[in-house]
Amino acid sequence: MNLEEALEEYGMTERQAKVYLAALGLGESAVTDIAQKAQIKRAGTYYLSESLVDIDLFYRTKKSGKAYYSAVEPKTLLAHLRRH
């Protein structure tokens, strides 16, 4: 089982898992960069990123009016997923 499958087993959708892993590898990034790495369309990545912010698995910051996202650390993710 790979990490993406493990995240799905804990309740993430396939696309959420791809976006999480892409952001984890990139660090704080714009949606465009995350979308490219996750190989998901930008509009879908924006929606998925916001859904991960809503469940406290992503951080959102703004710089010069542009949103940047970063994934929580894997330890935090596992603790969150075990609670839910």
N, C-alpha and C. Protein backbone atom coordinates (compact mmCIF):
# COMPACT_ATOMS: atom_id res chain seq x y z
N MET A 1 0.86 -1.18 0.00
CA MET A 1 0.00 0.00 0.00
C MET A 1 0.90 1.24 0.00
N ASN A 2 0.61 2.17 -0.91
CA ASN A 2 1.39 3.41 -0.94
C ASN A 2 0.74 4.47 -0.04
N LEU A 3 1.40 5.59 0.11
CA LEU A 3 0.93 6.64 1.02
C LEU A 3 -0.42 7.20 0.58
N GLU A 4 -0.60 7.37 -0.72
CA GLU A 4 -1.88 7.88 -1.22
C GLU A 4 -3.01 6.94 -0.85
N GLU A 5 -2.82 5.65 -1.01
CA GLU A 5 -3.85 4.66 -0.64
C GLU A 5 -4.11 4.70 0.86
N ALA A 6 -3.06 4.88 1.65
CA ALA A 6 -3.23 4.94 3.11
C ALA A 6 -4.07 6.15 3.50
N LEU A 7 -3.83 7.28 2.85
CA LEU A 7 -4.63 8.48 3.14
C LEU A 7 -6.09 8.27 2.77
N GLU A 8 -6.32 7.59 1.66
CA GLU A 8 -7.69 7.29 1.24
C GLU A 8 -8.36 6.36 2.24
N GLU A 9 -7.61 5.42 2.76
CA GLU A 9 -8.16 4.50 3.74
C GLU A 9 -8.59 5.23 5.01
N TYR A 10 -7.90 6.32 5.35
CA TYR A 10 -8.26 7.13 6.50
C TYR A 10 -9.40 8.11 6.21
N GLY A 11 -9.89 8.14 4.96
CA GLY A 11 -11.06 8.95 4.66
C GLY A 11 -10.87 10.08 3.66
N MET A 12 -9.65 10.32 3.21
CA MET A 12 -9.46 11.35 2.18
C MET A 12 -9.93 10.80 0.84
N THR A 13 -10.40 11.69 0.00
CA THR A 13 -10.70 11.27 -1.36
C THR A 13 -9.37 11.10 -2.11
N GLU A 14 -9.41 10.44 -3.23
CA GLU A 14 -8.19 10.25 -4.02
C GLU A 14 -7.57 11.60 -4.40
N ARG A 15 -8.42 12.53 -4.79
CA ARG A 15 -7.93 13.84 -5.21
C ARG A 15 -7.40 14.65 -4.02
N GLN A 16 -8.05 14.57 -2.87
CA GLN A 16 -7.53 15.25 -1.68
C GLN A 16 -6.15 14.70 -1.33
N ALA A 17 -5.99 13.39 -1.41
CA ALA A 17 -4.71 12.77 -1.10
C ALA A 17 -3.62 13.25 -2.06
N LYS A 18 -3.95 13.35 -3.34
CA LYS A 18 -2.97 13.83 -4.32
C LYS A 18 -2.56 15.27 -4.04
N VAL A 19 -3.54 16.11 -3.72
CA VAL A 19 -3.26 17.52 -3.43
C VAL A 19 -2.45 17.64 -2.14
N TYR A 20 -2.81 16.88 -1.11
CA TYR A 20 -2.06 16.91 0.14
C TYR A 20 -0.60 16.53 -0.09
N LEU A 21 -0.38 15.43 -0.79
CA LEU A 21 0.98 14.95 -1.02
C LEU A 21 1.78 15.92 -1.89
N ALA A 22 1.13 16.53 -2.87
CA ALA A 22 1.82 17.51 -3.71
C ALA A 22 2.25 18.71 -2.87
N ALA A 23 1.33 19.22 -2.05
CA ALA A 23 1.65 20.38 -1.21
C ALA A 23 2.71 20.03 -0.17
N LEU A 24 2.67 18.83 0.36
CA LEU A 24 3.66 18.40 1.33
C LEU A 24 5.06 18.43 0.71
N GLY A 25 5.15 18.00 -0.53
CA GLY A 25 6.43 17.99 -1.22
C GLY A 25 6.92 19.36 -1.62
N LEU A 26 5.99 20.28 -1.87
CA LEU A 26 6.36 21.61 -2.34
C LEU A 26 6.61 22.61 -1.21
N GLY A 27 5.96 22.42 -0.09
CA GLY A 27 5.97 23.47 0.93
C GLY A 27 4.94 24.52 0.55
N GLU A 28 5.02 25.68 1.15
CA GLU A 28 4.05 26.74 0.87
C GLU A 28 4.07 27.10 -0.62
N SER A 29 2.90 26.94 -1.27
CA SER A 29 2.84 27.11 -2.72
C SER A 29 1.51 27.68 -3.17
N ALA A 30 1.53 28.23 -4.36
CA ALA A 30 0.31 28.70 -5.02
C ALA A 30 -0.45 27.49 -5.57
N VAL A 31 -1.75 27.66 -5.75
CA VAL A 31 -2.59 26.58 -6.27
C VAL A 31 -2.08 26.08 -7.62
N THR A 32 -1.60 26.97 -8.45
CA THR A 32 -1.10 26.58 -9.76
C THR A 32 0.02 25.55 -9.65
N ASP A 33 0.93 25.77 -8.73
CA ASP A 33 2.05 24.83 -8.54
C ASP A 33 1.58 23.49 -7.97
N ILE A 34 0.66 23.56 -7.01
CA ILE A 34 0.12 22.33 -6.43
C ILE A 34 -0.64 21.55 -7.49
N ALA A 35 -1.43 22.23 -8.29
CA ALA A 35 -2.20 21.58 -9.35
C ALA A 35 -1.29 20.87 -10.34
N GLN A 36 -0.22 21.54 -10.72
CA GLN A 36 0.71 20.95 -11.67
C GLN A 36 1.35 19.68 -11.09
N LYS A 37 1.79 19.75 -9.86
CA LYS A 37 2.44 18.58 -9.23
C LYS A 37 1.44 17.45 -9.01
N ALA A 38 0.20 17.78 -8.62
CA ALA A 38 -0.83 16.76 -8.36
C ALA A 38 -1.48 16.26 -9.65
N GLN A 39 -1.24 16.96 -10.74
CA GLN A 39 -1.84 16.65 -12.04
C GLN A 39 -3.37 16.69 -11.98
N ILE A 40 -3.84 17.77 -11.38
CA ILE A 40 -5.27 18.05 -11.28
C ILE A 40 -5.47 19.48 -11.77
N LYS A 41 -6.61 19.74 -12.43
CA LYS A 41 -6.88 21.09 -12.93
C LYS A 41 -6.86 22.11 -11.80
N ARG A 42 -6.43 23.32 -12.13
CA ARG A 42 -6.26 24.37 -11.13
C ARG A 42 -7.54 24.65 -10.36
N ALA A 43 -8.67 24.77 -11.05
CA ALA A 43 -9.94 25.07 -10.37
C ALA A 43 -10.29 23.97 -9.37
N GLY A 44 -10.08 22.73 -9.74
CA GLY A 44 -10.34 21.61 -8.84
C GLY A 44 -9.39 21.62 -7.65
N THR A 45 -8.15 22.01 -7.91
CA THR A 45 -7.16 22.06 -6.85
C THR A 45 -7.50 23.16 -5.85
N TYR A 46 -8.00 24.28 -6.33
CA TYR A 46 -8.42 25.35 -5.42
C TYR A 46 -9.52 24.83 -4.49
N TYR A 47 -10.52 24.19 -5.06
CA TYR A 47 -11.63 23.65 -4.27
C TYR A 47 -11.11 22.61 -3.26
N LEU A 48 -10.24 21.71 -3.71
CA LEU A 48 -9.71 20.67 -2.82
C LEU A 48 -8.85 21.28 -1.71
N SER A 49 -8.06 22.29 -2.06
CA SER A 49 -7.22 22.96 -1.06
C SER A 49 -8.09 23.60 0.01
N GLU A 50 -9.15 24.26 -0.40
CA GLU A 50 -10.06 24.87 0.56
C GLU A 50 -10.75 23.82 1.42
N SER A 51 -11.08 22.67 0.84
CA SER A 51 -11.71 21.62 1.63
C SER A 51 -10.73 21.09 2.68
N LEU A 52 -9.44 21.05 2.34
CA LEU A 52 -8.43 20.62 3.31
C LEU A 52 -8.18 21.69 4.38
N VAL A 53 -8.32 22.96 4.03
CA VAL A 53 -8.26 24.03 5.03
C VAL A 53 -9.42 23.88 6.01
N ASP A 54 -10.60 23.58 5.47
CA ASP A 54 -11.80 23.45 6.31
C ASP A 54 -11.68 22.34 7.35
N ILE A 55 -10.90 21.31 7.04
CA ILE A 55 -10.74 20.22 8.01
C ILE A 55 -9.37 20.26 8.69
N ASP A 56 -8.74 21.43 8.65
CA ASP A 56 -7.48 21.70 9.37
C ASP A 56 -6.30 20.85 8.92
N LEU A 57 -6.26 20.49 7.63
CA LEU A 57 -5.12 19.74 7.11
C LEU A 57 -4.24 20.58 6.20
N PHE A 58 -4.69 21.80 5.90
CA PHE A 58 -3.92 22.75 5.10
C PHE A 58 -3.93 24.09 5.82
N TYR A 59 -2.87 24.84 5.61
CA TYR A 59 -2.82 26.23 6.06
C TYR A 59 -2.97 27.12 4.82
N ARG A 60 -3.65 28.23 4.98
CA ARG A 60 -3.77 29.21 3.89
C ARG A 60 -3.19 30.52 4.37
N THR A 61 -2.33 31.11 3.56
CA THR A 61 -1.81 32.44 3.83
C THR A 61 -2.00 33.28 2.59
N LYS A 62 -2.00 34.58 2.77
CA LYS A 62 -2.12 35.49 1.63
C LYS A 62 -0.91 36.40 1.59
N LYS A 63 -0.38 36.55 0.40
CA LYS A 63 0.73 37.46 0.16
C LYS A 63 0.39 38.26 -1.09
N SER A 64 0.37 39.56 -0.94
CA SER A 64 0.03 40.45 -2.07
C SER A 64 -1.29 40.06 -2.71
N GLY A 65 -2.25 39.66 -1.88
CA GLY A 65 -3.57 39.31 -2.37
C GLY A 65 -3.69 37.93 -2.98
N LYS A 66 -2.63 37.16 -3.00
CA LYS A 66 -2.65 35.83 -3.60
C LYS A 66 -2.58 34.77 -2.50
N ALA A 67 -3.42 33.73 -2.63
CA ALA A 67 -3.46 32.67 -1.63
C ALA A 67 -2.35 31.65 -1.86
N TYR A 68 -1.73 31.25 -0.76
CA TYR A 68 -0.72 30.20 -0.77
C TYR A 68 -1.15 29.14 0.24
N TYR A 69 -0.87 27.90 -0.08
CA TYR A 69 -1.29 26.79 0.78
C TYR A 69 -0.08 25.95 1.17
N SER A 70 -0.18 25.35 2.35
CA SER A 70 0.82 24.38 2.78
C SER A 70 0.10 23.29 3.58
N ALA A 71 0.64 22.09 3.51
CA ALA A 71 0.05 20.94 4.20
C ALA A 71 0.58 20.87 5.62
N VAL A 72 -0.27 20.39 6.52
CA VAL A 72 0.20 20.16 7.89
C VAL A 72 1.20 19.01 7.87
N GLU A 73 2.03 18.94 8.88
CA GLU A 73 3.02 17.87 8.98
C GLU A 73 2.33 16.51 9.08
N PRO A 74 2.95 15.45 8.60
CA PRO A 74 2.34 14.12 8.65
C PRO A 74 1.91 13.68 10.05
N LYS A 75 2.68 14.03 11.10
CA LYS A 75 2.28 13.65 12.46
C LYS A 75 0.94 14.28 12.81
N THR A 76 0.76 15.55 12.45
CA THR A 76 -0.49 16.25 12.72
C THR A 76 -1.62 15.62 11.92
N LEU A 77 -1.33 15.29 10.68
CA LEU A 77 -2.32 14.64 9.82
C LEU A 77 -2.79 13.33 10.44
N LEU A 78 -1.87 12.49 10.85
CA LEU A 78 -2.25 11.20 11.42
C LEU A 78 -3.07 11.36 12.69
N ALA A 79 -2.71 12.28 13.53
CA ALA A 79 -3.48 12.53 14.75
C ALA A 79 -4.90 12.98 14.39
N HIS A 80 -5.01 13.85 13.39
CA HIS A 80 -6.33 14.34 12.96
C HIS A 80 -7.17 13.20 12.38
N LEU A 81 -6.58 12.40 11.52
CA LEU A 81 -7.32 11.33 10.87
C LEU A 81 -7.75 10.26 11.85
N ARG A 82 -6.95 10.01 12.87
CA ARG A 82 -7.33 9.02 13.88
C ARG A 82 -8.53 9.48 14.71
N ARG A 83 -8.63 10.80 14.91
CA ARG A 83 -9.76 11.35 15.67
C ARG A 83 -11.05 11.28 14.90
N HIS A 84 -10.99 11.28 13.58
CA HIS A 84 -12.20 11.33 12.76
C HIS A 84 -12.46 10.04 12.09
